[in-house]
Amino acid sequence: MKKLLSLALSASLLAAAAVPAAAVYQDVPSGSALAGEVQKAVDYGLMNGYSTENFGYADPMTRAQFVTVLDRMLLPQGNDETLVGHITAAMQVDYQSVKAYYSSIDAAAEHDWVDTDKPFRPSDPITRGEMAEILVRALGLKGAAKLADSASTLPFTDVAEGRGYIAVAYAIGMTKGTSDTTFSPDATATRAQAAAMLVRIYEKLGQKADWVHGFYAISSYSQLNYAQDMDAISAGWSHMVWDGTSASLETTTAGGNIYYIPDGYESVTNSLDASGTPLNLSVFMEGSSLREMLSSETGRQEAAEAIVAELTASYEAIGKNPYAGVTIDFEGLRAADRDNFTDFLRQLSEYLDSLDSRDLSLYVCVQPALATGSYYDGYDYRAIGDLADQVILMAYDYDAHDLSGYEGTTYHQTACPAPIDQVFYSLMAITDATSGVQDRSKVVLGFSCKNVAWQIDGNGKLVSGTPVYPSNETVSKRLQQADTVLGWSDAYQHSYAIYTTEDGSRYFLWYQNADTLQKAMEAAALLDVSGVSVWRLGSMPMYPAWNWSCLL
């Protein structure tokens, strides 16, 4: 492990308590299973006692207290007066009655943690179901809960409403339920129980990325120096070819291949050798030829043999083979291809294991599961996880590539390249206890440094259904324009901007920055996924808003 991605969280004392924390509270029962979590909640600064002797262990946690803890956990702390103004009359919140919690309730209303069209009931004891919903919404996963509502299974027989919220809360380990088959959504929670739940989430959000991987491919040389600080690199220097009868590995420009070994490759391999960063050969293939090759027993065997041959060949300029393993990037697989792909990986793994003189790694790229289940269902996550050393989830490129026919609408505002609801859903699928990768330390969340812009008119309506993909330099310039409007999508947990070009054209831009990166990494951490992969070196934005220093 070379570098860690730190997910910094601000934490503060619960507003209800102004008394310094005590080392031991007399009302915490001796031998209590929750005693450790209560003490952690105090040590982390999440909660405090009513006095130096009384924590309020068995007292009910109120709704106002709960959102106050979340406020201090998840939001930047500043002048409380700046938050006031979002509580509606329908929420029926009396300032004098809940003065200590008022700004936090206001923040909850502002950020859509709670509904603003019905009474908030600040002094009511919070139920387990309400905790699940408010927490999931506070984590920015309301959309993920909506997807999980119909697509996820639960072991609980007593959950009728709010299934999606409880499914997400259960997946991230907020609670294991009150029994193997019951969640008890209407049961209230004590302060001790709430402390335990919040400590679990706090500790997950505080996890750090322990493995950073990058792809080196087209136009990557300008950022080769960043590779030296990564834990592994995969070079896109090959393309698998199937001519209908035989498979071969192409590493030259023949046939218009864009994934080839470049002239001067030794400057790359020497740089990585000097930093001790292992280099894998990335093997790319997609389309009907891929599916045909995988359906052929001969094709699968020849493909595996061609890869092993490349991993054992001596490269003339350096006098050795440069690779520490292989990264398989076979894209667009469907359900009919699942078993064939798994058979290919199994055979390749056996070949790699047979090379006793070298401990070669196997990384496998997989496309994300979708809530519809209609695409990218050709990857057996469980089997792939058993065979691979790392499984790279390519959780990006969810955006539409053509919005022709939607001119005059605002549909472009839904065309986010990496919406958190979809990203989290795919993370839930790949870590599923039944069908996902058993060892979650193998799962790696992939990012694509992609900028997508749509031309709009003065009213924000779509002008052209064809997107443009501005360079990082262009994005940096546009973000610094005085008339550019910067925005953040709570629904997608993603940054956007609206800018105007020199000829007066206006564009709506989806772009990734440090905030987008952190939210996706927090979502991954909630599911104990601690690796990250970047597509690709050469495309990593260097403008200040991104701040790659948090990763490298």
Protein backbone atom coordinates (compact mmCIF):
# COMPACT_ATOMS: atom_id res chain seq x y z
CA MET A 1 0.00 0.00 0.00
CA LYS A 2 1.53 3.29 -1.11
CA LYS A 3 -1.12 5.92 -0.69
CA LEU A 4 -4.37 6.14 1.21
CA LEU A 5 -7.50 8.01 0.26
CA SER A 6 -8.57 9.73 3.45
CA LEU A 7 -12.27 10.30 3.85
CA ALA A 8 -12.18 13.04 6.46
CA LEU A 9 -15.28 13.47 8.53
CA SER A 10 -16.05 16.32 10.89
CA ALA A 11 -17.50 15.17 14.21
CA SER A 12 -18.90 17.08 17.14
CA LEU A 13 -20.76 16.62 20.41
CA LEU A 14 -24.47 16.01 20.41
CA ALA A 15 -26.17 19.37 20.84
CA ALA A 16 -28.36 18.04 23.64
CA ALA A 17 -25.35 17.65 25.93
CA ALA A 18 -23.19 20.45 27.17
CA VAL A 19 -21.54 18.39 29.87
CA PRO A 20 -17.97 17.08 29.38
CA ALA A 21 -17.83 13.35 28.63
CA ALA A 22 -17.03 10.97 31.46
CA ALA A 23 -14.86 7.91 31.09
CA VAL A 24 -17.57 5.68 32.60
CA TYR A 25 -21.31 6.31 32.88
CA GLN A 26 -23.03 4.77 35.86
CA ASP A 27 -26.23 4.02 33.96
CA VAL A 28 -24.44 1.83 31.39
CA PRO A 29 -25.05 -1.73 32.66
CA SER A 30 -22.00 -3.74 33.50
CA GLY A 31 -21.37 -6.27 30.75
CA SER A 32 -23.71 -4.55 28.30
CA ALA A 33 -23.14 -5.62 24.70
CA LEU A 34 -23.56 -1.95 23.72
CA ALA A 35 -21.17 -0.51 26.29
CA GLY A 36 -18.27 -0.48 23.85
CA GLU A 37 -20.27 1.33 21.18
CA VAL A 38 -21.53 3.87 23.68
CA GLN A 39 -17.97 4.64 24.74
CA LYS A 40 -16.87 4.89 21.09
CA ALA A 41 -19.71 7.32 20.37
CA VAL A 42 -18.39 9.50 23.17
CA ASP A 43 -14.75 9.08 22.21
CA TYR A 44 -15.48 9.96 18.57
CA GLY A 45 -17.37 13.06 19.70
CA LEU A 46 -20.65 11.87 18.24
CA MET A 47 -22.64 11.85 21.46
CA ASN A 48 -22.26 12.79 25.09
CA GLY A 49 -24.08 12.14 28.31
CA TYR A 50 -26.67 14.17 30.17
CA SER A 51 -24.13 14.47 32.98
CA THR A 52 -20.77 13.05 33.94
CA GLU A 53 -22.59 10.07 35.44
CA ASN A 54 -25.64 9.58 33.22
CA PHE A 55 -25.50 8.81 29.51
CA GLY A 56 -29.21 8.22 29.12
CA TYR A 57 -28.46 4.63 28.12
CA ALA A 58 -32.02 3.34 28.10
CA ASP A 59 -33.74 6.61 27.20
CA PRO A 60 -35.38 6.78 23.78
CA MET A 61 -33.50 8.61 21.04
CA THR A 62 -35.70 11.40 19.72
CA ARG A 63 -36.02 12.38 16.09
CA ALA A 64 -34.50 15.79 16.83
CA GLN A 65 -31.50 14.24 18.57
CA PHE A 66 -30.94 11.82 15.70
CA VAL A 67 -30.78 14.47 12.96
CA THR A 68 -28.54 16.57 15.19
CA VAL A 69 -25.97 13.78 15.39
CA LEU A 70 -26.15 13.33 11.62
CA ASP A 71 -25.74 17.07 11.12
CA ARG A 72 -22.55 17.08 13.16
CA MET A 73 -21.29 13.87 11.50
CA LEU A 74 -21.92 14.72 7.88
CA LEU A 75 -22.13 18.47 7.33
CA PRO A 76 -19.50 21.22 7.61
CA GLN A 77 -19.98 23.11 10.82
CA GLY A 78 -20.29 26.89 10.73
CA ASN A 79 -22.64 29.67 11.71
CA ASP A 80 -25.96 28.03 12.60
CA GLU A 81 -27.86 31.11 11.51
CA THR A 82 -26.91 30.43 7.89
CA LEU A 83 -28.90 27.20 8.03
CA VAL A 84 -32.19 28.63 9.26
CA GLY A 85 -34.92 29.08 6.66
CA HIS A 86 -35.84 25.63 5.36
CA ILE A 87 -38.28 24.45 8.02
CA THR A 88 -41.79 24.69 6.59
CA ALA A 89 -45.02 25.42 8.41
CA ALA A 90 -46.17 21.89 7.59
CA MET A 91 -43.30 20.49 9.67
CA GLN A 92 -44.83 22.08 12.82
CA VAL A 93 -41.50 22.73 14.55
CA ASP A 94 -41.68 25.25 17.40
CA TYR A 95 -38.38 27.08 17.82
CA GLN A 96 -38.67 27.64 21.56
CA SER A 97 -39.45 23.97 22.23
CA VAL A 98 -36.47 22.60 20.26
CA LYS A 99 -34.08 25.54 20.28
CA ALA A 100 -30.99 23.35 20.78
CA TYR A 101 -31.88 21.24 17.75
CA TYR A 102 -33.50 23.81 15.50
CA SER A 103 -30.58 24.46 13.13
CA SER A 104 -30.00 20.73 12.67
CA ILE A 105 -33.65 20.14 11.87
CA ASP A 106 -33.38 22.99 9.39
CA ALA A 107 -30.32 21.36 7.82
CA ALA A 108 -32.20 18.07 7.58
CA ALA A 109 -34.99 19.88 5.73
CA GLU A 110 -32.54 21.68 3.46
CA HIS A 111 -30.74 18.50 2.42
CA ASP A 112 -33.85 16.33 2.00
CA TRP A 113 -33.13 14.04 4.93
CA VAL A 114 -36.74 14.47 6.07
CA ASP A 115 -40.04 15.34 4.43
CA THR A 116 -41.03 18.99 4.61
CA ASP A 117 -44.72 18.52 3.80
CA LYS A 118 -45.72 16.81 7.04
CA PRO A 119 -45.06 17.16 10.79
CA PHE A 120 -41.49 16.41 11.82
CA ARG A 121 -42.40 15.42 15.42
CA PRO A 122 -39.02 16.40 16.94
CA SER A 123 -39.69 15.08 20.44
CA ASP A 124 -41.07 11.70 19.37
CA PRO A 125 -38.86 8.66 19.96
CA ILE A 126 -37.37 7.64 16.64
CA THR A 127 -38.28 4.23 15.28
CA ARG A 128 -35.86 1.81 13.68
CA GLY A 129 -37.55 2.27 10.31
CA GLU A 130 -37.30 6.06 10.62
CA MET A 131 -33.63 5.82 11.52
CA ALA A 132 -32.97 3.72 8.44
CA GLU A 133 -34.75 6.21 6.16
CA ILE A 134 -33.22 9.38 7.60
CA LEU A 135 -29.72 7.91 7.69
CA VAL A 136 -29.90 6.61 4.13
CA ARG A 137 -31.19 9.96 2.89
CA ALA A 138 -28.48 11.79 4.84
CA LEU A 139 -25.86 9.62 3.15
CA GLY A 140 -27.16 10.72 -0.25
CA LEU A 141 -28.56 7.29 -1.05
CA LYS A 142 -32.26 8.09 -1.41
CA GLY A 143 -32.12 7.16 -5.10
CA ALA A 144 -30.30 3.93 -4.29
CA ALA A 145 -33.07 3.06 -1.85
CA LYS A 146 -35.64 3.61 -4.58
CA LEU A 147 -33.78 1.18 -6.85
CA ALA A 148 -33.40 -1.31 -4.01
CA ASP A 149 -37.09 -1.10 -3.09
CA SER A 150 -38.13 -3.57 -5.77
CA ALA A 151 -34.83 -5.12 -6.80
CA SER A 152 -33.37 -6.18 -3.44
CA THR A 153 -34.32 -9.10 -1.25
CA LEU A 154 -34.55 -8.91 2.54
CA PRO A 155 -34.52 -11.68 5.14
CA PHE A 156 -37.11 -9.81 7.20
CA THR A 157 -40.76 -10.83 7.10
CA ASP A 158 -42.06 -7.78 8.96
CA VAL A 159 -41.03 -5.07 6.49
CA ALA A 160 -43.80 -3.76 4.25
CA GLU A 161 -43.07 -0.04 3.86
CA GLY A 162 -39.70 1.56 3.32
CA ARG A 163 -38.16 -1.66 2.02
CA GLY A 164 -35.57 0.19 -0.03
CA TYR A 165 -34.32 2.25 2.89
CA ILE A 166 -34.12 -0.79 5.12
CA ALA A 167 -32.41 -2.80 2.36
CA VAL A 168 -29.68 -0.15 2.06
CA ALA A 169 -29.39 0.24 5.85
CA TYR A 170 -29.07 -3.53 6.19
CA ALA A 171 -26.49 -3.74 3.40
CA ILE A 172 -24.23 -1.12 4.97
CA GLY A 173 -24.42 -2.81 8.37
CA MET A 174 -26.38 -0.19 10.27
CA THR A 175 -28.23 -3.07 11.90
CA LYS A 176 -28.54 -6.81 11.55
CA GLY A 177 -32.19 -6.77 12.58
CA THR A 178 -33.82 -7.78 15.84
CA SER A 179 -33.69 -11.43 14.75
CA ASP A 180 -32.78 -13.43 11.67
CA THR A 181 -36.22 -12.75 10.19
CA THR A 182 -37.40 -9.51 11.84
CA PHE A 183 -36.34 -5.90 11.56
CA SER A 184 -39.00 -4.43 13.86
CA PRO A 185 -39.35 -1.17 11.89
CA ASP A 186 -41.91 0.31 14.30
CA ALA A 187 -39.88 -0.39 17.43
CA THR A 188 -38.18 2.62 18.99
CA ALA A 189 -34.46 2.84 19.61
CA THR A 190 -32.68 3.78 22.79
CA ARG A 191 -29.80 6.20 22.89
CA ALA A 192 -27.45 3.27 23.37
CA GLN A 193 -28.84 1.44 20.34
CA ALA A 194 -28.65 4.60 18.25
CA ALA A 195 -25.07 5.13 19.39
CA ALA A 196 -24.15 1.62 18.24
CA MET A 197 -25.75 2.13 14.82
CA LEU A 198 -24.12 5.50 14.25
CA VAL A 199 -20.70 4.27 15.38
CA ARG A 200 -20.88 1.48 12.80
CA ILE A 201 -21.53 3.99 10.03
CA TYR A 202 -18.97 6.48 11.33
CA GLU A 203 -16.27 3.83 11.33
CA LYS A 204 -17.16 2.69 7.83
CA LEU A 205 -17.02 6.24 6.51
CA GLY A 206 -13.61 6.58 8.12
CA GLN A 207 -12.17 3.64 6.19
CA LYS A 208 -9.37 4.45 3.78
CA ALA A 209 -8.60 3.18 0.31
CA ASP A 210 -5.83 0.66 0.70
CA TRP A 211 -5.23 -0.11 -2.98
CA VAL A 212 -5.01 2.42 -5.83
CA HIS A 213 -4.82 1.23 -9.42
CA GLY A 214 -4.59 3.09 -12.70
CA PHE A 215 -4.86 2.28 -16.38
CA TYR A 216 -2.06 3.39 -18.70
CA ALA A 217 -3.32 3.58 -22.26
CA ILE A 218 -3.91 6.16 -24.97
CA SER A 219 -2.17 9.50 -24.31
CA SER A 220 -1.17 8.51 -20.78
CA TYR A 221 2.52 9.39 -20.84
CA SER A 222 1.98 12.96 -19.64
CA GLN A 223 0.82 11.61 -16.28
CA LEU A 224 3.22 8.70 -15.93
CA ASN A 225 4.65 10.31 -12.81
CA TYR A 226 1.37 9.66 -10.96
CA ALA A 227 1.74 5.94 -11.64
CA GLN A 228 4.74 5.84 -9.36
CA ASP A 229 2.48 6.55 -6.39
CA MET A 230 -0.08 3.88 -7.27
CA ASP A 231 -0.18 0.28 -6.09
CA ALA A 232 -0.54 -1.21 -9.57
CA ILE A 233 -0.83 -0.17 -13.23
CA SER A 234 -2.47 -1.93 -16.15
CA ALA A 235 -1.13 -1.04 -19.60
CA GLY A 236 -3.63 -1.13 -22.45
CA TRP A 237 -1.14 -2.51 -24.92
CA SER A 238 -3.08 -5.40 -26.44
CA HIS A 239 -6.33 -6.34 -28.13
CA MET A 240 -7.67 -9.88 -28.43
CA VAL A 241 -8.66 -10.80 -31.98
CA TRP A 242 -10.99 -13.54 -33.22
CA ASP A 243 -11.15 -14.19 -36.96
CA GLY A 244 -13.93 -16.74 -36.75
CA THR A 245 -11.72 -19.76 -36.35
CA SER A 246 -8.76 -18.78 -34.16
CA ALA A 247 -7.82 -16.31 -31.43
CA SER A 248 -4.69 -14.18 -31.29
CA LEU A 249 -3.36 -11.29 -29.24
CA GLU A 250 -2.59 -8.15 -31.24
CA THR A 251 0.02 -5.80 -29.76
CA THR A 252 0.78 -3.73 -32.87
CA THR A 253 -1.18 -1.18 -34.90
CA ALA A 254 -2.20 -3.83 -37.43
CA GLY A 255 -5.82 -3.58 -38.52
CA GLY A 256 -6.20 -0.17 -36.93
CA ASN A 257 -5.66 -1.50 -33.42
CA ILE A 258 -5.42 1.37 -30.92
CA TYR A 259 -4.23 -0.76 -28.01
CA TYR A 260 -0.63 -1.53 -28.88
CA ILE A 261 2.85 -1.53 -27.38
CA PRO A 262 4.16 1.99 -28.08
CA ASP A 263 7.58 2.94 -29.31
CA GLY A 264 9.73 3.82 -26.34
CA TYR A 265 7.77 1.57 -24.02
CA GLU A 266 10.95 1.05 -22.02
CA SER A 267 10.63 4.55 -20.55
CA VAL A 268 7.35 3.45 -19.02
CA THR A 269 8.54 0.09 -17.75
CA ASN A 270 11.80 1.55 -16.40
CA SER A 271 9.90 4.27 -14.54
CA LEU A 272 7.60 1.72 -12.93
CA ASP A 273 10.51 -0.57 -12.10
CA ALA A 274 12.26 2.30 -10.34
CA SER A 275 9.18 2.99 -8.19
CA GLY A 276 8.40 -0.67 -7.59
CA THR A 277 4.93 -0.35 -9.14
CA PRO A 278 3.82 -3.66 -10.70
CA LEU A 279 2.64 -3.52 -14.31
CA ASN A 280 -0.11 -5.74 -15.71
CA LEU A 281 -0.90 -6.24 -19.38
CA SER A 282 -4.48 -5.13 -20.03
CA VAL A 283 -6.25 -7.24 -22.67
CA PHE A 284 -9.27 -5.59 -24.28
CA MET A 285 -12.06 -7.09 -26.38
CA GLU A 286 -15.76 -6.41 -27.00
CA GLY A 287 -18.58 -7.04 -29.44
CA SER A 288 -19.91 -10.06 -31.29
CA SER A 289 -16.43 -11.41 -32.00
CA LEU A 290 -15.81 -11.64 -28.25
CA ARG A 291 -18.98 -13.61 -27.66
CA GLU A 292 -18.20 -15.92 -30.58
CA MET A 293 -14.68 -16.54 -29.30
CA LEU A 294 -15.88 -17.32 -25.79
CA SER A 295 -18.49 -19.75 -27.13
CA SER A 296 -15.71 -21.76 -28.77
CA GLU A 297 -13.71 -24.15 -26.58
CA THR A 298 -10.80 -23.76 -28.98
CA GLY A 299 -11.16 -20.00 -28.95
CA ARG A 300 -11.05 -19.83 -25.15
CA GLN A 301 -7.97 -22.04 -25.02
CA GLU A 302 -6.14 -20.12 -27.75
CA ALA A 303 -6.93 -16.81 -26.09
CA ALA A 304 -5.55 -18.00 -22.75
CA GLU A 305 -2.44 -19.42 -24.43
CA ALA A 306 -1.83 -16.19 -26.35
CA ILE A 307 -1.99 -14.17 -23.14
CA VAL A 308 0.42 -16.47 -21.32
CA ALA A 309 2.79 -16.33 -24.29
CA GLU A 310 2.85 -12.52 -24.07
CA LEU A 311 3.40 -12.62 -20.32
CA THR A 312 6.44 -14.85 -20.78
CA ALA A 313 7.98 -13.23 -23.87
CA SER A 314 11.21 -11.27 -23.52
CA TYR A 315 10.95 -7.62 -24.60
CA GLU A 316 14.05 -6.67 -26.55
CA ALA A 317 14.56 -3.11 -25.28
CA ILE A 318 14.58 -4.18 -21.63
CA GLY A 319 15.79 -7.77 -21.96
CA LYS A 320 12.95 -9.26 -19.92
CA ASN A 321 9.19 -9.52 -19.66
CA PRO A 322 7.75 -6.39 -18.01
CA TYR A 323 4.50 -7.78 -16.66
CA ALA A 324 3.47 -8.86 -13.17
CA GLY A 325 0.17 -10.24 -14.44
CA VAL A 326 -2.80 -9.64 -16.71
CA THR A 327 -5.95 -7.50 -16.55
CA ILE A 328 -8.87 -8.88 -18.54
CA ASP A 329 -11.18 -6.19 -19.93
CA PHE A 330 -13.84 -8.07 -21.90
CA GLU A 331 -16.86 -5.79 -22.25
CA GLY A 332 -20.52 -6.08 -23.20
CA LEU A 333 -21.10 -9.64 -22.02
CA ARG A 334 -24.66 -10.87 -21.59
CA ALA A 335 -26.26 -13.72 -19.67
CA ALA A 336 -25.58 -16.24 -22.43
CA ASP A 337 -21.86 -15.51 -22.12
CA ARG A 338 -21.55 -15.96 -18.32
CA ASP A 339 -20.45 -19.59 -18.17
CA ASN A 340 -18.16 -19.27 -21.18
CA PHE A 341 -16.42 -16.25 -19.69
CA THR A 342 -16.00 -18.01 -16.37
CA ASP A 343 -14.56 -21.08 -18.14
CA PHE A 344 -12.07 -18.86 -19.96
CA LEU A 345 -10.97 -17.19 -16.71
CA ARG A 346 -10.65 -20.57 -15.00
CA GLN A 347 -8.42 -21.88 -17.77
CA LEU A 348 -6.35 -18.69 -17.81
CA SER A 349 -5.96 -18.87 -14.03
CA GLU A 350 -4.74 -22.45 -14.26
CA TYR A 351 -2.19 -21.47 -16.90
CA LEU A 352 -0.94 -18.60 -14.73
CA ASP A 353 -0.68 -20.89 -11.71
CA SER A 354 1.35 -23.37 -13.73
CA LEU A 355 4.13 -20.82 -14.16
CA ASP A 356 5.85 -21.75 -10.92
CA SER A 357 8.74 -19.38 -11.49
CA ARG A 358 6.47 -16.30 -11.48
CA ASP A 359 3.59 -15.25 -9.24
CA LEU A 360 1.43 -13.59 -11.89
CA SER A 361 -1.70 -11.71 -10.87
CA LEU A 362 -5.11 -11.82 -12.51
CA TYR A 363 -7.30 -8.72 -12.46
CA VAL A 364 -10.74 -8.81 -14.08
CA CYS A 365 -12.82 -5.81 -15.13
CA VAL A 366 -16.58 -6.24 -14.82
CA GLN A 367 -19.42 -4.02 -15.89
CA PRO A 368 -21.99 -2.92 -13.32
CA ALA A 369 -25.27 -4.63 -12.60
CA LEU A 370 -28.29 -2.48 -13.40
CA ALA A 371 -31.57 -2.40 -11.51
CA THR A 372 -33.36 -3.47 -14.70
CA GLY A 373 -31.14 -6.54 -14.98
CA SER A 374 -31.30 -6.24 -18.76
CA TYR A 375 -27.67 -5.34 -19.50
CA TYR A 376 -24.20 -6.34 -18.41
CA ASP A 377 -25.50 -9.56 -16.84
CA GLY A 378 -22.74 -11.71 -18.30
CA TYR A 379 -20.43 -11.52 -15.29
CA ASP A 380 -20.64 -14.16 -12.56
CA TYR A 381 -19.36 -12.01 -9.70
CA ARG A 382 -19.05 -14.89 -7.26
CA ALA A 383 -17.06 -17.10 -9.65
CA ILE A 384 -14.91 -14.24 -10.89
CA GLY A 385 -14.11 -13.21 -7.33
CA ASP A 386 -12.95 -16.74 -6.57
CA LEU A 387 -10.59 -16.74 -9.55
CA ALA A 388 -9.26 -13.18 -9.64
CA ASP A 389 -6.87 -11.28 -7.39
CA GLN A 390 -8.76 -8.02 -8.00
CA VAL A 391 -12.20 -7.38 -9.50
CA ILE A 392 -12.50 -3.89 -10.99
CA LEU A 393 -16.09 -2.61 -11.11
CA MET A 394 -16.43 -0.18 -14.02
CA ALA A 395 -19.20 1.84 -12.36
CA TYR A 396 -19.35 4.68 -14.87
CA ASP A 397 -20.62 5.64 -18.33
CA TYR A 398 -24.25 5.48 -17.23
CA ASP A 399 -25.01 8.60 -19.28
CA ALA A 400 -26.94 8.64 -22.52
CA HIS A 401 -24.79 9.02 -25.63
CA ASP A 402 -27.60 10.42 -27.76
CA LEU A 403 -30.62 12.45 -26.68
CA SER A 404 -32.01 13.06 -30.14
CA GLY A 405 -35.75 13.54 -29.83
CA TYR A 406 -35.45 15.08 -26.37
CA GLU A 407 -34.66 18.60 -27.58
CA GLY A 408 -36.70 21.19 -25.71
CA THR A 409 -36.67 19.13 -22.50
CA THR A 410 -34.40 19.05 -19.45
CA TYR A 411 -33.66 15.35 -19.83
CA HIS A 412 -29.94 16.10 -19.97
CA GLN A 413 -30.14 16.85 -16.26
CA THR A 414 -30.74 13.13 -15.69
CA ALA A 415 -27.87 12.00 -17.93
CA CYS A 416 -25.25 11.83 -15.16
CA PRO A 417 -22.16 9.76 -16.05
CA ALA A 418 -21.87 8.19 -12.58
CA PRO A 419 -25.07 8.74 -10.54
CA ILE A 420 -24.65 7.59 -6.96
CA ASP A 421 -27.88 5.57 -6.99
CA GLN A 422 -26.65 3.40 -9.85
CA VAL A 423 -23.10 3.24 -8.50
CA PHE A 424 -24.32 2.11 -5.08
CA TYR A 425 -26.72 -0.40 -6.60
CA SER A 426 -23.87 -1.97 -8.55
CA LEU A 427 -21.74 -2.04 -5.39
CA MET A 428 -24.55 -3.80 -3.54
CA ALA A 429 -24.77 -6.37 -6.33
CA ILE A 430 -21.06 -7.12 -6.49
CA THR A 431 -20.83 -7.47 -2.69
CA ASP A 432 -24.05 -9.44 -2.28
CA ALA A 433 -23.66 -12.21 0.30
CA THR A 434 -25.20 -14.79 -2.01
CA SER A 435 -24.09 -13.90 -5.53
CA GLY A 436 -21.32 -11.33 -5.10
CA VAL A 437 -17.58 -11.48 -4.54
CA GLN A 438 -17.04 -13.25 -1.22
CA ASP A 439 -13.82 -11.43 -0.34
CA ARG A 440 -14.76 -7.75 -0.48
CA SER A 441 -11.10 -6.72 -0.24
CA LYS A 442 -10.81 -7.86 -3.87
CA VAL A 443 -13.47 -5.44 -5.12
CA VAL A 444 -12.18 -2.22 -6.64
CA LEU A 445 -14.41 0.74 -7.54
CA GLY A 446 -13.55 2.16 -10.94
CA PHE A 447 -13.72 5.83 -11.91
CA SER A 448 -13.72 7.42 -15.34
CA CYS A 449 -12.51 11.01 -15.55
CA LYS A 450 -15.22 11.95 -18.02
CA ASN A 451 -16.66 15.37 -18.84
CA VAL A 452 -20.01 15.44 -20.66
CA ALA A 453 -21.68 18.66 -21.85
CA TRP A 454 -25.05 19.30 -23.51
CA GLN A 455 -25.94 22.46 -25.39
CA ILE A 456 -28.91 24.28 -23.84
CA ASP A 457 -30.88 27.45 -24.51
CA GLY A 458 -31.45 30.44 -22.25
CA ASN A 459 -34.23 28.59 -20.43
CA GLY A 460 -32.06 25.58 -19.71
CA LYS A 461 -33.76 23.40 -22.33
CA LEU A 462 -31.82 20.97 -24.51
CA VAL A 463 -30.82 22.35 -27.92
CA SER A 464 -28.90 19.40 -29.37
CA GLY A 465 -29.21 15.71 -28.62
CA THR A 466 -25.53 15.17 -29.37
CA PRO A 467 -23.21 15.56 -26.37
CA VAL A 468 -19.75 17.09 -26.44
CA TYR A 469 -16.82 15.94 -24.34
CA PRO A 470 -14.71 18.96 -23.38
CA SER A 471 -11.10 18.42 -22.40
CA ASN A 472 -9.91 18.94 -18.84
CA GLU A 473 -8.21 22.14 -19.93
CA THR A 474 -11.48 23.44 -21.36
CA VAL A 475 -13.38 22.47 -18.24
CA SER A 476 -10.82 24.20 -16.05
CA LYS A 477 -11.19 27.37 -18.11
CA ARG A 478 -14.99 27.26 -18.01
CA LEU A 479 -15.12 26.65 -14.26
CA GLN A 480 -13.10 29.80 -13.69
CA GLN A 481 -15.37 32.03 -15.77
CA ALA A 482 -17.18 34.62 -13.67
CA ASP A 483 -20.53 33.83 -15.31
CA THR A 484 -20.32 30.06 -14.85
CA VAL A 485 -22.91 28.62 -12.46
CA LEU A 486 -21.56 25.81 -10.29
CA GLY A 487 -24.01 23.22 -8.99
CA TRP A 488 -24.32 20.01 -7.04
CA SER A 489 -26.92 17.31 -7.60
CA ASP A 490 -28.17 15.90 -4.30
CA ALA A 491 -29.98 13.18 -6.22
CA TYR A 492 -26.87 11.98 -8.04
CA GLN A 493 -24.19 13.25 -5.62
CA HIS A 494 -22.38 14.70 -8.61
CA SER A 495 -21.05 18.10 -9.66
CA TYR A 496 -22.33 20.08 -12.62
CA ALA A 497 -21.83 23.52 -14.14
CA ILE A 498 -23.57 25.78 -16.65
CA TYR A 499 -21.24 27.86 -18.78
CA THR A 500 -21.27 30.09 -21.84
CA THR A 501 -18.77 29.95 -24.71
CA GLU A 502 -17.31 32.88 -26.61
CA ASP A 503 -19.95 32.60 -29.33
CA GLY A 504 -22.77 32.82 -26.79
CA SER A 505 -23.63 29.12 -26.72
CA ARG A 506 -24.65 27.72 -23.33
CA TYR A 507 -23.81 24.27 -22.03
CA PHE A 508 -24.82 22.08 -19.11
CA LEU A 509 -21.75 20.14 -17.97
CA TRP A 510 -21.46 17.03 -15.83
CA TYR A 511 -17.96 16.78 -14.42
CA GLN A 512 -16.21 14.94 -11.60
CA ASN A 513 -14.29 16.67 -8.85
CA ALA A 514 -13.04 15.90 -5.35
CA ASP A 515 -16.57 16.08 -3.91
CA THR A 516 -17.90 13.56 -6.43
CA LEU A 517 -14.95 11.28 -5.80
CA GLN A 518 -15.39 11.42 -2.04
CA LYS A 519 -19.11 10.64 -2.17
CA ALA A 520 -18.52 7.59 -4.36
CA MET A 521 -15.70 6.42 -2.11
CA GLU A 522 -17.88 6.87 0.95
CA ALA A 523 -20.55 4.72 -0.70
CA ALA A 524 -17.94 2.06 -1.39
CA ALA A 525 -16.60 2.24 2.16
CA LEU A 526 -20.09 1.63 3.53
CA LEU A 527 -19.95 -1.75 1.82
CA ASP A 528 -16.34 -2.43 2.88
CA VAL A 529 -14.91 -1.80 -0.58
CA SER A 530 -11.53 -0.16 -0.13
CA GLY A 531 -9.87 -0.16 -3.56
CA VAL A 532 -10.06 2.37 -6.37
CA SER A 533 -9.14 2.22 -10.06
CA VAL A 534 -8.82 5.19 -12.43
CA TRP A 535 -9.51 5.14 -16.15
CA ARG A 536 -7.07 6.50 -17.20
CA LEU A 537 -3.69 8.21 -16.71
CA GLY A 538 -3.55 11.14 -19.08
CA SER A 539 -7.19 12.00 -18.41
CA MET A 540 -6.92 12.81 -14.70
CA PRO A 541 -8.10 16.42 -14.35
CA MET A 542 -5.58 18.69 -12.71
CA TYR A 543 -7.76 21.75 -12.14
CA PRO A 544 -8.07 22.83 -8.49
CA ALA A 545 -11.66 21.66 -8.11
CA TRP A 546 -10.60 18.05 -8.51
CA ASN A 547 -7.71 17.95 -6.04
CA TRP A 548 -6.11 14.59 -6.83
CA SER A 549 -3.87 15.07 -3.81
CA CYS A 550 -6.56 13.28 -1.80
CA LEU A 551 -5.90 10.16 -3.85
CA LEU A 552 -2.21 10.23 -4.70
